[in-house]
């Protein structure tokens, strides 16, 4: 493909949709993202990323931002900011 003539429509503004859109934008595509929610807000859910997930974000140029924004996990699982367990890994 040759850049600005390429267009894409991404349905869904979740993690996968936004990652796909960001990747295509970096390759010179014109991208439209459709999302049913009227605005992006907190939904009360957490997102845990493994090393592979952080590598994928780094490939999009977002690795440093993700590391600066997130919270480092303990090897035995995931805790919230109060120290309550969200997930334990046996």
Protein backbone atom coordinates (compact mmCIF):
# COMPACT_ATOMS: atom_id res chain seq x y z
CA UNK A 1 0.00 0.00 0.00
CA UNK A 2 1.21 3.47 -0.73
CA UNK A 3 0.26 5.78 2.11
CA UNK A 4 -2.33 8.57 2.04
CA UNK A 5 -4.69 6.91 -0.46
CA UNK A 6 -5.26 4.03 1.96
CA UNK A 7 -8.30 4.36 4.19
CA UNK A 8 -9.62 2.19 6.99
CA UNK A 9 -12.72 2.05 9.15
CA UNK A 10 -12.24 0.62 12.66
CA UNK A 11 -15.39 -0.43 14.48
CA UNK A 12 -14.88 -0.15 18.23
CA UNK A 13 -12.73 2.22 20.25
CA UNK A 14 -11.54 -0.33 22.80
CA UNK A 15 -7.95 -1.40 23.34
CA UNK A 16 -7.73 -3.48 20.16
CA UNK A 17 -9.52 -0.95 17.96
CA UNK A 18 -7.40 1.97 19.12
CA UNK A 19 -4.20 -0.06 18.78
CA UNK A 20 -5.17 -1.03 15.23
CA UNK A 21 -6.01 2.58 14.38
CA UNK A 22 -2.74 3.88 15.86
CA UNK A 23 -0.75 1.32 13.91
CA UNK A 24 -2.44 2.20 10.63
CA UNK A 25 -2.04 5.93 11.26
CA UNK A 26 1.70 5.41 11.73
CA UNK A 27 1.77 3.72 8.33
CA UNK A 28 0.11 6.71 6.66
CA UNK A 29 -3.45 5.43 6.47
CA UNK A 30 -6.48 7.67 6.88
CA UNK A 31 -8.42 6.05 9.74
CA UNK A 32 -11.92 6.58 11.11
CA UNK A 33 -12.82 4.93 14.43
CA UNK A 34 -16.49 4.29 15.17
CA UNK A 35 -17.47 3.89 18.83
CA UNK A 36 -21.00 3.62 20.23
CA UNK A 37 -20.16 5.28 23.57
CA UNK A 38 -20.70 9.06 23.44
CA UNK A 39 -17.39 9.69 25.27
CA UNK A 40 -14.45 7.81 26.74
CA UNK A 41 -14.73 7.56 30.52
CA UNK A 42 -13.52 5.27 33.28
CA UNK A 43 -15.58 2.09 33.42
CA UNK A 44 -14.27 0.64 36.67
CA UNK A 45 -12.20 -2.05 35.00
CA UNK A 46 -8.50 -2.69 35.18
CA UNK A 47 -6.17 -3.69 32.39
CA UNK A 48 -3.16 -5.88 33.09
CA UNK A 49 -0.39 -6.05 30.51
CA UNK A 50 2.28 -8.70 30.32
CA UNK A 51 5.74 -8.14 28.84
CA UNK A 52 4.37 -9.00 25.39
CA UNK A 53 1.61 -6.42 25.75
CA UNK A 54 4.11 -3.75 26.76
CA UNK A 55 6.29 -4.71 23.79
CA UNK A 56 3.30 -4.22 21.49
CA UNK A 57 2.65 -0.79 23.00
CA UNK A 58 6.32 0.08 22.63
CA UNK A 59 6.04 -0.79 18.94
CA UNK A 60 3.28 1.83 18.68
CA UNK A 61 5.43 4.38 20.51
CA UNK A 62 3.30 4.11 23.67
CA UNK A 63 5.50 1.98 25.94
CA UNK A 64 6.95 4.82 28.01
CA UNK A 65 3.51 6.39 28.49
CA UNK A 66 2.00 3.06 29.59
CA UNK A 67 4.80 2.48 32.10
CA UNK A 68 4.53 6.03 33.47
CA UNK A 69 0.73 5.83 33.76
CA UNK A 70 0.31 2.32 35.12
CA UNK A 71 1.21 0.58 38.34
CA UNK A 72 3.88 -2.11 38.50
CA UNK A 73 2.49 -5.49 39.51
CA UNK A 74 3.81 -7.80 42.17
CA UNK A 75 5.01 -11.21 41.05
CA UNK A 76 2.31 -12.92 43.14
CA UNK A 77 -0.60 -11.07 41.52
CA UNK A 78 -2.18 -7.69 41.14
CA UNK A 79 -3.06 -5.25 43.92
CA UNK A 80 -4.96 -2.00 43.79
CA UNK A 81 -3.58 1.26 45.19
CA UNK A 82 -4.88 0.37 48.70
CA UNK A 83 -3.03 -2.95 48.67
CA UNK A 84 -6.14 -5.12 48.20
CA UNK A 85 -5.64 -8.17 45.97
CA UNK A 86 -7.33 -7.93 42.58
CA UNK A 87 -5.79 -11.12 41.21
CA UNK A 88 -3.47 -13.71 42.73
CA UNK A 89 -1.25 -15.95 40.66
CA UNK A 90 -0.58 -19.32 42.34
